[in-house]
């Protein structure tokens, strides 16, 4: 397990792992670009991508991509996680553990994860203890260490005629493909 697993779980919760996450509050509540915008970490043994996703109105694609990138940058610099957000995330993550066992499929998924990541049988008990003991400073440190302005890949799916020019205006590399992944 990654040394900053729990701190990164906190960061993701604040960014978009919960309805009250910054991405959803920004893109849905404040701007009205999206019906919902969330994030998650796909944990793997070697590298674990962080994913942010949601449908946005085509005419606001450029602005939405800009806002997602800005939220990430702000988390690391001008608007780090607050103690209020930290406390909210701690309660949300702890209270969310039982909901990971509501269906047979979820139970099986958790058993597969225990095996795949070679976790101890008491992993979920340990998780609660580790979440409870995690400190605010650990999450701030993890945000500075793991969130940076390089290495992002933005994937946008939509009507090229409506969104391509706006994406070019963002000064980020744009690679256009067809539905089969062929460059066009």
C-alpha atoms as a PDB file:
ATOM      1  CA  UNK A   1       0.000   0.000   0.000  1.00  0.00           C
ATOM      2  CA  UNK A   2       1.251   3.476  -0.843  1.00  0.00           C
ATOM      3  CA  UNK A   3       2.656   5.394   2.148  1.00  0.00           C
ATOM      4  CA  UNK A   4       0.276   8.287   1.467  1.00  0.00           C
ATOM      5  CA  UNK A   5      -2.759   6.127   0.691  1.00  0.00           C
ATOM      6  CA  UNK A   6      -4.927   7.670   3.416  1.00  0.00           C
ATOM      7  CA  UNK A   7      -3.732  11.238   2.859  1.00  0.00           C
ATOM      8  CA  UNK A   8      -4.464  10.886  -0.861  1.00  0.00           C
ATOM      9  CA  UNK A   9      -7.898   9.448  -0.068  1.00  0.00           C
ATOM     10  CA  UNK A  10      -8.549  12.637   1.932  1.00  0.00           C
ATOM     11  CA  UNK A  11      -7.405  14.835  -0.942  1.00  0.00           C
ATOM     12  CA  UNK A  12      -9.607  12.985  -3.395  1.00  0.00           C
ATOM     13  CA  UNK A  13     -12.602  13.227  -1.050  1.00  0.00           C
ATOM     14  CA  UNK A  14     -12.158  17.006  -0.851  1.00  0.00           C
ATOM     15  CA  UNK A  15     -11.624  17.394  -4.600  1.00  0.00           C
ATOM     16  CA  UNK A  16     -14.390  15.206  -5.924  1.00  0.00           C
ATOM     17  CA  UNK A  17     -14.930  12.048  -3.917  1.00  0.00           C
ATOM     18  CA  UNK A  18     -18.094  13.438  -2.361  1.00  0.00           C
ATOM     19  CA  UNK A  19     -21.072  15.482  -3.560  1.00  0.00           C
ATOM     20  CA  UNK A  20     -19.705  18.435  -1.576  1.00  0.00           C
ATOM     21  CA  UNK A  21     -16.287  18.096  -3.255  1.00  0.00           C
ATOM     22  CA  UNK A  22     -14.714  21.159  -4.791  1.00  0.00           C
ATOM     23  CA  UNK A  23     -15.157  19.987  -8.378  1.00  0.00           C
ATOM     24  CA  UNK A  24     -18.889  19.387  -8.039  1.00  0.00           C
ATOM     25  CA  UNK A  25     -19.442  22.584  -6.069  1.00  0.00           C
ATOM     26  CA  UNK A  26     -17.564  24.566  -8.715  1.00  0.00           C
ATOM     27  CA  UNK A  27     -18.846  22.999 -11.944  1.00  0.00           C
ATOM     28  CA  UNK A  28     -22.380  22.160 -10.819  1.00  0.00           C
ATOM     29  CA  UNK A  29     -23.355  24.477  -8.012  1.00  0.00           C
ATOM     30  CA  UNK A  30     -21.389  27.646  -8.799  1.00  0.00           C
ATOM     31  CA  UNK A  31     -21.131  27.615 -12.591  1.00  0.00           C
ATOM     32  CA  UNK A  32     -23.961  25.329 -13.703  1.00  0.00           C
ATOM     33  CA  UNK A  33     -21.782  23.646 -16.360  1.00  0.00           C
ATOM     34  CA  UNK A  34     -22.479  20.095 -15.183  1.00  0.00           C
ATOM     35  CA  UNK A  35     -25.133  17.999 -13.500  1.00  0.00           C
ATOM     36  CA  UNK A  36     -22.379  16.334 -11.479  1.00  0.00           C
ATOM     37  CA  UNK A  37     -18.580  16.196 -11.456  1.00  0.00           C
ATOM     38  CA  UNK A  38     -16.604  13.739  -9.346  1.00  0.00           C
ATOM     39  CA  UNK A  39     -13.168  12.204  -8.928  1.00  0.00           C
ATOM     40  CA  UNK A  40     -11.642   8.948  -7.781  1.00  0.00           C
ATOM     41  CA  UNK A  41      -8.322   7.176  -7.494  1.00  0.00           C
ATOM     42  CA  UNK A  42      -7.994   3.844  -9.299  1.00  0.00           C
ATOM     43  CA  UNK A  43      -5.599   2.101  -6.955  1.00  0.00           C
ATOM     44  CA  UNK A  44      -3.088  -0.245  -8.579  1.00  0.00           C
ATOM     45  CA  UNK A  45       0.153  -1.835  -7.431  1.00  0.00           C
ATOM     46  CA  UNK A  46       2.497   0.320  -9.509  1.00  0.00           C
ATOM     47  CA  UNK A  47       0.811   3.569 -10.542  1.00  0.00           C
ATOM     48  CA  UNK A  48      -2.638   4.726  -9.539  1.00  0.00           C
ATOM     49  CA  UNK A  49      -4.318   7.304 -11.757  1.00  0.00           C
ATOM     50  CA  UNK A  50      -6.506  10.010 -10.340  1.00  0.00           C
ATOM     51  CA  UNK A  51      -9.611  10.497 -12.473  1.00  0.00           C
ATOM     52  CA  UNK A  52     -11.962  13.458 -12.604  1.00  0.00           C
ATOM     53  CA  UNK A  53     -15.099  13.034 -14.656  1.00  0.00           C
ATOM     54  CA  UNK A  54     -18.479  14.403 -15.441  1.00  0.00           C
ATOM     55  CA  UNK A  55     -20.628  15.532 -18.315  1.00  0.00           C
ATOM     56  CA  UNK A  56     -20.560  19.226 -19.093  1.00  0.00           C
ATOM     57  CA  UNK A  57     -22.456  21.387 -21.532  1.00  0.00           C
ATOM     58  CA  UNK A  58     -20.507  21.460 -24.819  1.00  0.00           C
ATOM     59  CA  UNK A  59     -20.327  25.245 -24.926  1.00  0.00           C
ATOM     60  CA  UNK A  60     -18.554  25.194 -21.539  1.00  0.00           C
ATOM     61  CA  UNK A  61     -16.001  22.449 -22.262  1.00  0.00           C
ATOM     62  CA  UNK A  62     -13.025  24.820 -22.324  1.00  0.00           C
ATOM     63  CA  UNK A  63     -14.133  26.547 -19.130  1.00  0.00           C
ATOM     64  CA  UNK A  64     -14.748  23.211 -17.406  1.00  0.00           C
ATOM     65  CA  UNK A  65     -11.290  21.861 -18.251  1.00  0.00           C
ATOM     66  CA  UNK A  66      -9.797  25.146 -17.050  1.00  0.00           C
ATOM     67  CA  UNK A  67     -11.707  24.931 -13.745  1.00  0.00           C
ATOM     68  CA  UNK A  68     -10.619  21.322 -13.093  1.00  0.00           C
ATOM     69  CA  UNK A  69      -6.967  22.216 -13.670  1.00  0.00           C
ATOM     70  CA  UNK A  70      -7.371  25.337 -11.522  1.00  0.00           C
ATOM     71  CA  UNK A  71      -8.885  23.358  -8.640  1.00  0.00           C
ATOM     72  CA  UNK A  72      -5.859  21.054  -8.674  1.00  0.00           C
ATOM     73  CA  UNK A  73      -3.428  23.943  -8.779  1.00  0.00           C
ATOM     74  CA  UNK A  74      -5.283  25.816  -6.022  1.00  0.00           C
ATOM     75  CA  UNK A  75      -5.221  22.765  -3.754  1.00  0.00           C
ATOM     76  CA  UNK A  76      -1.456  22.803  -3.888  1.00  0.00           C
ATOM     77  CA  UNK A  77      -0.964  26.556  -3.684  1.00  0.00           C
ATOM     78  CA  UNK A  78      -3.493  29.345  -3.112  1.00  0.00           C
ATOM     79  CA  UNK A  79      -6.326  27.316  -1.541  1.00  0.00           C
ATOM     80  CA  UNK A  80      -4.990  24.263   0.308  1.00  0.00           C
ATOM     81  CA  UNK A  81      -7.344  21.913   2.085  1.00  0.00           C
ATOM     82  CA  UNK A  82      -8.846  23.581   5.151  1.00  0.00           C
ATOM     83  CA  UNK A  83      -9.251  22.057   8.595  1.00  0.00           C
ATOM     84  CA  UNK A  84     -13.021  22.132   8.075  1.00  0.00           C
ATOM     85  CA  UNK A  85     -12.635  20.151   4.825  1.00  0.00           C
ATOM     86  CA  UNK A  86     -10.210  17.789   6.572  1.00  0.00           C
ATOM     87  CA  UNK A  87     -12.682  17.081   9.382  1.00  0.00           C
ATOM     88  CA  UNK A  88     -15.566  16.634   6.918  1.00  0.00           C
ATOM     89  CA  UNK A  89     -13.480  14.217   4.820  1.00  0.00           C
ATOM     90  CA  UNK A  90     -12.421  12.243   7.896  1.00  0.00           C
ATOM     91  CA  UNK A  91     -16.021  11.700   8.971  1.00  0.00           C
ATOM     92  CA  UNK A  92     -17.157  10.949   5.415  1.00  0.00           C
ATOM     93  CA  UNK A  93     -14.429   8.392   4.779  1.00  0.00           C
ATOM     94  CA  UNK A  94     -14.953   6.607   8.101  1.00  0.00           C
ATOM     95  CA  UNK A  95     -18.739   6.570   7.791  1.00  0.00           C
ATOM     96  CA  UNK A  96     -18.439   5.401   4.169  1.00  0.00           C
ATOM     97  CA  UNK A  97     -16.658   2.143   5.002  1.00  0.00           C
ATOM     98  CA  UNK A  98     -19.834   0.152   5.832  1.00  0.00           C
ATOM     99  CA  UNK A  99     -21.440   1.164   2.526  1.00  0.00           C
ATOM    100  CA  UNK A 100     -18.640  -0.708   0.739  1.00  0.00           C
ATOM    101  CA  UNK A 101     -20.315  -3.964   1.870  1.00  0.00           C
ATOM    102  CA  UNK A 102     -23.953  -3.414   0.929  1.00  0.00           C
ATOM    103  CA  UNK A 103     -24.204  -5.933  -1.910  1.00  0.00           C
ATOM    104  CA  UNK A 104     -22.773  -9.361  -2.643  1.00  0.00           C
ATOM    105  CA  UNK A 105     -20.824  -7.803  -5.506  1.00  0.00           C
ATOM    106  CA  UNK A 106     -19.282  -5.185  -3.218  1.00  0.00           C
ATOM    107  CA  UNK A 107     -18.340  -7.815  -0.646  1.00  0.00           C
ATOM    108  CA  UNK A 108     -16.704  -9.922  -3.343  1.00  0.00           C
ATOM    109  CA  UNK A 109     -14.895  -6.845  -4.687  1.00  0.00           C
ATOM    110  CA  UNK A 110     -13.482  -6.102  -1.247  1.00  0.00           C
ATOM    111  CA  UNK A 111     -12.317  -9.702  -0.848  1.00  0.00           C
ATOM    112  CA  UNK A 112     -10.633  -9.532  -4.254  1.00  0.00           C
ATOM    113  CA  UNK A 113      -8.892  -6.294  -3.215  1.00  0.00           C
ATOM    114  CA  UNK A 114      -7.658  -7.893   0.009  1.00  0.00           C
ATOM    115  CA  UNK A 115      -6.104 -10.679  -2.026  1.00  0.00           C
ATOM    116  CA  UNK A 116      -4.842  -8.594  -4.966  1.00  0.00           C
ATOM    117  CA  UNK A 117      -3.094  -6.049  -2.739  1.00  0.00           C
ATOM    118  CA  UNK A 118      -2.034  -8.676  -0.160  1.00  0.00           C
ATOM    119  CA  UNK A 119      -3.801  -6.839   2.638  1.00  0.00           C
ATOM    120  CA  UNK A 120      -4.265  -8.329   6.124  1.00  0.00           C
ATOM    121  CA  UNK A 121      -7.615  -9.811   7.140  1.00  0.00           C
ATOM    122  CA  UNK A 122      -8.145  -6.944   9.598  1.00  0.00           C
ATOM    123  CA  UNK A 123      -7.467  -4.292   6.941  1.00  0.00           C
ATOM    124  CA  UNK A 124     -10.825  -2.547   7.358  1.00  0.00           C
ATOM    125  CA  UNK A 125     -10.435  -2.288  11.123  1.00  0.00           C
ATOM    126  CA  UNK A 126      -6.926  -0.903  10.566  1.00  0.00           C
ATOM    127  CA  UNK A 127      -8.316   1.520   7.968  1.00  0.00           C
ATOM    128  CA  UNK A 128     -10.650   3.085  10.493  1.00  0.00           C
ATOM    129  CA  UNK A 129      -7.808   3.426  12.993  1.00  0.00           C
ATOM    130  CA  UNK A 130      -5.486   4.951  10.372  1.00  0.00           C
ATOM    131  CA  UNK A 131      -8.145   7.382   9.168  1.00  0.00           C
ATOM    132  CA  UNK A 132      -8.854   8.437  12.742  1.00  0.00           C
ATOM    133  CA  UNK A 133      -5.158   8.981  13.466  1.00  0.00           C
ATOM    134  CA  UNK A 134      -4.291  10.816  10.234  1.00  0.00           C
ATOM    135  CA  UNK A 135      -3.306  14.406  10.908  1.00  0.00           C
ATOM    136  CA  UNK A 136      -4.098  17.563   8.981  1.00  0.00           C
ATOM    137  CA  UNK A 137      -0.386  18.206   8.343  1.00  0.00           C
ATOM    138  CA  UNK A 138      -0.060  14.784   6.639  1.00  0.00           C
ATOM    139  CA  UNK A 139      -2.714  15.708   4.086  1.00  0.00           C
ATOM    140  CA  UNK A 140      -1.134  19.107   3.405  1.00  0.00           C
ATOM    141  CA  UNK A 141       2.251  17.463   2.874  1.00  0.00           C
ATOM    142  CA  UNK A 142       0.772  14.867   0.518  1.00  0.00           C
ATOM    143  CA  UNK A 143      -0.896  17.560  -1.583  1.00  0.00           C
ATOM    144  CA  UNK A 144       2.436  19.359  -2.037  1.00  0.00           C
ATOM    145  CA  UNK A 145       4.258  16.112  -2.859  1.00  0.00           C
ATOM    146  CA  UNK A 146       1.750  14.479  -5.176  1.00  0.00           C
ATOM    147  CA  UNK A 147      -0.178  17.228  -6.937  1.00  0.00           C
ATOM    148  CA  UNK A 148       1.799  19.058  -9.576  1.00  0.00           C
ATOM    149  CA  UNK A 149       1.250  20.841 -12.847  1.00  0.00           C
ATOM    150  CA  UNK A 150       2.890  18.174 -14.996  1.00  0.00           C
ATOM    151  CA  UNK A 151       1.885  14.743 -16.134  1.00  0.00           C
ATOM    152  CA  UNK A 152      -1.815  15.416 -16.560  1.00  0.00           C
ATOM    153  CA  UNK A 153      -3.646  13.907 -19.476  1.00  0.00           C
ATOM    154  CA  UNK A 154      -7.026  15.390 -20.199  1.00  0.00           C
ATOM    155  CA  UNK A 155      -9.476  13.283 -22.191  1.00  0.00           C
ATOM    156  CA  UNK A 156     -12.469  15.104 -23.608  1.00  0.00           C
ATOM    157  CA  UNK A 157     -15.188  13.345 -25.576  1.00  0.00           C
ATOM    158  CA  UNK A 158     -17.543  15.482 -27.585  1.00  0.00           C
ATOM    159  CA  UNK A 159     -18.470  17.204 -30.813  1.00  0.00           C
ATOM    160  CA  UNK A 160     -15.163  18.352 -32.311  1.00  0.00           C
ATOM    161  CA  UNK A 161     -16.801  21.249 -34.136  1.00  0.00           C
ATOM    162  CA  UNK A 162     -18.126  22.640 -30.860  1.00  0.00           C
ATOM    163  CA  UNK A 163     -15.184  22.091 -28.512  1.00  0.00           C
ATOM    164  CA  UNK A 164     -11.898  21.893 -30.446  1.00  0.00           C
ATOM    165  CA  UNK A 165     -11.201  25.626 -30.795  1.00  0.00           C
ATOM    166  CA  UNK A 166     -11.860  26.299 -27.122  1.00  0.00           C
ATOM    167  CA  UNK A 167      -9.513  23.510 -26.056  1.00  0.00           C
ATOM    168  CA  UNK A 168      -6.782  24.909 -28.337  1.00  0.00           C
ATOM    169  CA  UNK A 169      -7.228  28.276 -26.557  1.00  0.00           C
ATOM    170  CA  UNK A 170      -6.185  26.644 -23.256  1.00  0.00           C
ATOM    171  CA  UNK A 171      -2.619  26.201 -24.549  1.00  0.00           C
ATOM    172  CA  UNK A 172      -2.556  22.517 -23.662  1.00  0.00           C
ATOM    173  CA  UNK A 173      -1.580  19.816 -26.141  1.00  0.00           C
ATOM    174  CA  UNK A 174      -4.609  18.565 -28.062  1.00  0.00           C
ATOM    175  CA  UNK A 175      -4.627  15.217 -29.856  1.00  0.00           C
ATOM    176  CA  UNK A 176      -7.793  14.507 -31.821  1.00  0.00           C
ATOM    177  CA  UNK A 177      -8.926  10.966 -32.575  1.00  0.00           C
ATOM    178  CA  UNK A 178     -11.977   9.288 -34.026  1.00  0.00           C
ATOM    179  CA  UNK A 179     -14.105   6.863 -32.028  1.00  0.00           C
ATOM    180  CA  UNK A 180     -11.596   4.081 -32.756  1.00  0.00           C
ATOM    181  CA  UNK A 181      -8.570   5.998 -31.449  1.00  0.00           C
ATOM    182  CA  UNK A 182      -7.202   6.837 -34.885  1.00  0.00           C
ATOM    183  CA  UNK A 183      -5.702  10.313 -35.172  1.00  0.00           C
ATOM    184  CA  UNK A 184      -7.659  12.696 -37.327  1.00  0.00           C
END
